[in-house]
Amino acid sequence: MINNFQYPLHFRFHVSSFANDFTATDDVGETIFYVRAKIFSWRDHIIVYRDKSQTEILYELKSNKLIDFQQTFTIIDRNGKILGKVRSH
C-alpha cells in the first residue's frame, strides 16, 4: 500500500485538544501518515489516516479491554480485514 519511503522518517507530535496525534513525514517532506488517538475514552482507539485531512483511513488499532496498562490492540485495515495484534508495555 505505502512504499518508497525516503528515509529518515520524521515524526511531529501535535499538542492539541483532546487527542494525541502526530504526523509522519519522509525525508523530502511527504506526509506518510496522520495518526489520531482519543485520550479520554474507555477503550483506546487509534486511527491512522493517509494525511491530516482525515478523509482516508488506512488502519485502525482497537483495544480489546477497557482501561488497561498492557493493552492488546487489534490492527484492522481499511477493508475491515484483521492484520494482526500488537501489545503495549
C-alpha atoms as a PDB file:
ATOM      1  CA  MET A   1       0.000   0.000   0.000  1.00  0.00           C
ATOM      2  CA  ILE A   2       2.592   2.552   1.059  1.00  0.00           C
ATOM      3  CA  ASN A   3       6.119   2.176  -0.116  1.00  0.00           C
ATOM      4  CA  ASN A   4       9.043   4.179  -1.455  1.00  0.00           C
ATOM      5  CA  PHE A   5       9.746   5.971   1.812  1.00  0.00           C
ATOM      6  CA  GLN A   6      12.611   8.442   1.703  1.00  0.00           C
ATOM      7  CA  TYR A   7      14.440   7.789   4.970  1.00  0.00           C
ATOM      8  CA  PRO A   8      14.902   9.061   7.626  1.00  0.00           C
ATOM      9  CA  LEU A   9      11.296   9.423   8.736  1.00  0.00           C
ATOM     10  CA  HIS A  10      10.254  12.405  10.843  1.00  0.00           C
ATOM     11  CA  PHE A  11       7.514  12.492  13.469  1.00  0.00           C
ATOM     12  CA  ARG A  12       5.867  15.738  14.542  1.00  0.00           C
ATOM     13  CA  PHE A  13       3.695  15.416  17.638  1.00  0.00           C
ATOM     14  CA  HIS A  14       0.812  17.853  17.973  1.00  0.00           C
ATOM     15  CA  VAL A  15      -0.117  19.087  21.421  1.00  0.00           C
ATOM     16  CA  SER A  16      -3.743  19.970  20.937  1.00  0.00           C
ATOM     17  CA  SER A  17      -7.321  19.453  22.043  1.00  0.00           C
ATOM     18  CA  PHE A  18      -8.458  16.120  23.441  1.00  0.00           C
ATOM     19  CA  ALA A  19      -6.394  13.789  21.282  1.00  0.00           C
ATOM     20  CA  ASN A  20      -2.849  12.514  20.913  1.00  0.00           C
ATOM     21  CA  ASP A  21      -1.940  12.992  17.300  1.00  0.00           C
ATOM     22  CA  PHE A  22       1.168  13.104  15.162  1.00  0.00           C
ATOM     23  CA  THR A  23       2.215  13.404  11.558  1.00  0.00           C
ATOM     24  CA  ALA A  24       4.842  11.144   9.997  1.00  0.00           C
ATOM     25  CA  THR A  25       6.732  12.537   7.015  1.00  0.00           C
ATOM     26  CA  ASP A  26       9.596  11.208   4.951  1.00  0.00           C
ATOM     27  CA  ASP A  27      12.909  12.968   4.332  1.00  0.00           C
ATOM     28  CA  VAL A  28      11.532  15.051   1.433  1.00  0.00           C
ATOM     29  CA  GLY A  29       8.545  16.248   3.488  1.00  0.00           C
ATOM     30  CA  GLU A  30       5.851  13.977   2.026  1.00  0.00           C
ATOM     31  CA  THR A  31       3.205  13.030   4.562  1.00  0.00           C
ATOM     32  CA  ILE A  32       3.131   9.280   5.121  1.00  0.00           C
ATOM     33  CA  PHE A  33       0.602   9.068   7.956  1.00  0.00           C
ATOM     34  CA  TYR A  34      -1.512  11.196  10.228  1.00  0.00           C
ATOM     35  CA  VAL A  35      -2.286   9.338  13.460  1.00  0.00           C
ATOM     36  CA  ARG A  36      -5.010  10.297  15.926  1.00  0.00           C
ATOM     37  CA  ALA A  37      -5.879   8.725  19.278  1.00  0.00           C
ATOM     38  CA  LYS A  38      -8.552   9.969  21.645  1.00  0.00           C
ATOM     39  CA  ILE A  39      -7.196  10.365  25.154  1.00  0.00           C
ATOM     40  CA  PHE A  40     -10.409  10.471  27.199  1.00  0.00           C
ATOM     41  CA  SER A  41     -12.151   7.258  26.232  1.00  0.00           C
ATOM     42  CA  TRP A  42     -12.824   3.934  27.935  1.00  0.00           C
ATOM     43  CA  ARG A  43     -11.174   1.914  25.182  1.00  0.00           C
ATOM     44  CA  ASP A  44      -8.205   3.159  23.215  1.00  0.00           C
ATOM     45  CA  HIS A  45      -8.916   3.584  19.532  1.00  0.00           C
ATOM     46  CA  ILE A  46      -6.120   4.768  17.266  1.00  0.00           C
ATOM     47  CA  ILE A  47      -6.843   5.743  13.673  1.00  0.00           C
ATOM     48  CA  VAL A  48      -4.128   6.008  11.017  1.00  0.00           C
ATOM     49  CA  TYR A  49      -5.070   8.321   8.150  1.00  0.00           C
ATOM     50  CA  ARG A  50      -3.350   8.969   4.831  1.00  0.00           C
ATOM     51  CA  ASP A  51      -2.915  12.666   5.725  1.00  0.00           C
ATOM     52  CA  LYS A  52      -4.129  15.446   8.012  1.00  0.00           C
ATOM     53  CA  SER A  53      -7.373  15.904   6.064  1.00  0.00           C
ATOM     54  CA  GLN A  54      -8.526  12.655   7.770  1.00  0.00           C
ATOM     55  CA  THR A  55     -10.534  11.603   4.721  1.00  0.00           C
ATOM     56  CA  GLU A  56      -8.845   8.243   4.033  1.00  0.00           C
ATOM     57  CA  ILE A  57      -8.439   5.715   6.843  1.00  0.00           C
ATOM     58  CA  LEU A  58      -5.527   3.313   6.323  1.00  0.00           C
ATOM     59  CA  TYR A  59      -5.588   1.378   9.597  1.00  0.00           C
ATOM     60  CA  GLU A  60      -7.343   1.244  12.945  1.00  0.00           C
ATOM     61  CA  LEU A  61      -5.935  -0.091  16.185  1.00  0.00           C
ATOM     62  CA  LYS A  62      -8.641  -1.067  18.649  1.00  0.00           C
ATOM     63  CA  SER A  63      -8.072  -2.039  22.245  1.00  0.00           C
ATOM     64  CA  ASN A  64      -9.745  -5.228  23.352  1.00  0.00           C
ATOM     65  CA  LYS A  65     -10.122  -4.166  27.006  1.00  0.00           C
ATOM     66  CA  LEU A  66     -11.338  -1.234  28.998  1.00  0.00           C
ATOM     67  CA  ILE A  67      -8.655   0.962  30.543  1.00  0.00           C
ATOM     68  CA  ASP A  68      -5.570  -1.240  30.946  1.00  0.00           C
ATOM     69  CA  PHE A  69      -1.835  -0.566  31.156  1.00  0.00           C
ATOM     70  CA  GLN A  70      -0.787  -3.516  28.997  1.00  0.00           C
ATOM     71  CA  GLN A  71      -3.387  -3.374  26.264  1.00  0.00           C
ATOM     72  CA  THR A  72      -3.583  -5.581  23.232  1.00  0.00           C
ATOM     73  CA  PHE A  73      -4.611  -3.772  20.061  1.00  0.00           C
ATOM     74  CA  THR A  74      -6.189  -5.420  17.047  1.00  0.00           C
ATOM     75  CA  ILE A  75      -4.886  -3.908  13.783  1.00  0.00           C
ATOM     76  CA  ILE A  76      -7.538  -3.596  11.083  1.00  0.00           C
ATOM     77  CA  ASP A  77      -7.042  -2.333   7.525  1.00  0.00           C
ATOM     78  CA  ARG A  78      -9.442  -0.057   5.655  1.00  0.00           C
ATOM     79  CA  ASN A  79     -11.359  -3.053   4.290  1.00  0.00           C
ATOM     80  CA  GLY A  80     -12.066  -4.410   7.781  1.00  0.00           C
ATOM     81  CA  LYS A  81      -9.510  -7.223   7.478  1.00  0.00           C
ATOM     82  CA  ILE A  82      -7.670  -8.070  10.697  1.00  0.00           C
ATOM     83  CA  LEU A  83      -3.935  -7.827  10.048  1.00  0.00           C
ATOM     84  CA  GLY A  84      -2.719  -8.842  13.483  1.00  0.00           C
ATOM     85  CA  LYS A  85      -2.347  -7.774  17.075  1.00  0.00           C
ATOM     86  CA  VAL A  86       0.216  -5.759  18.991  1.00  0.00           C
ATOM     87  CA  ARG A  87       0.630  -5.366  22.738  1.00  0.00           C
ATOM     88  CA  SER A  88       1.821  -2.265  24.564  1.00  0.00           C
ATOM     89  CA  HIS A  89       4.071  -2.451  27.627  1.00  0.00           C
END
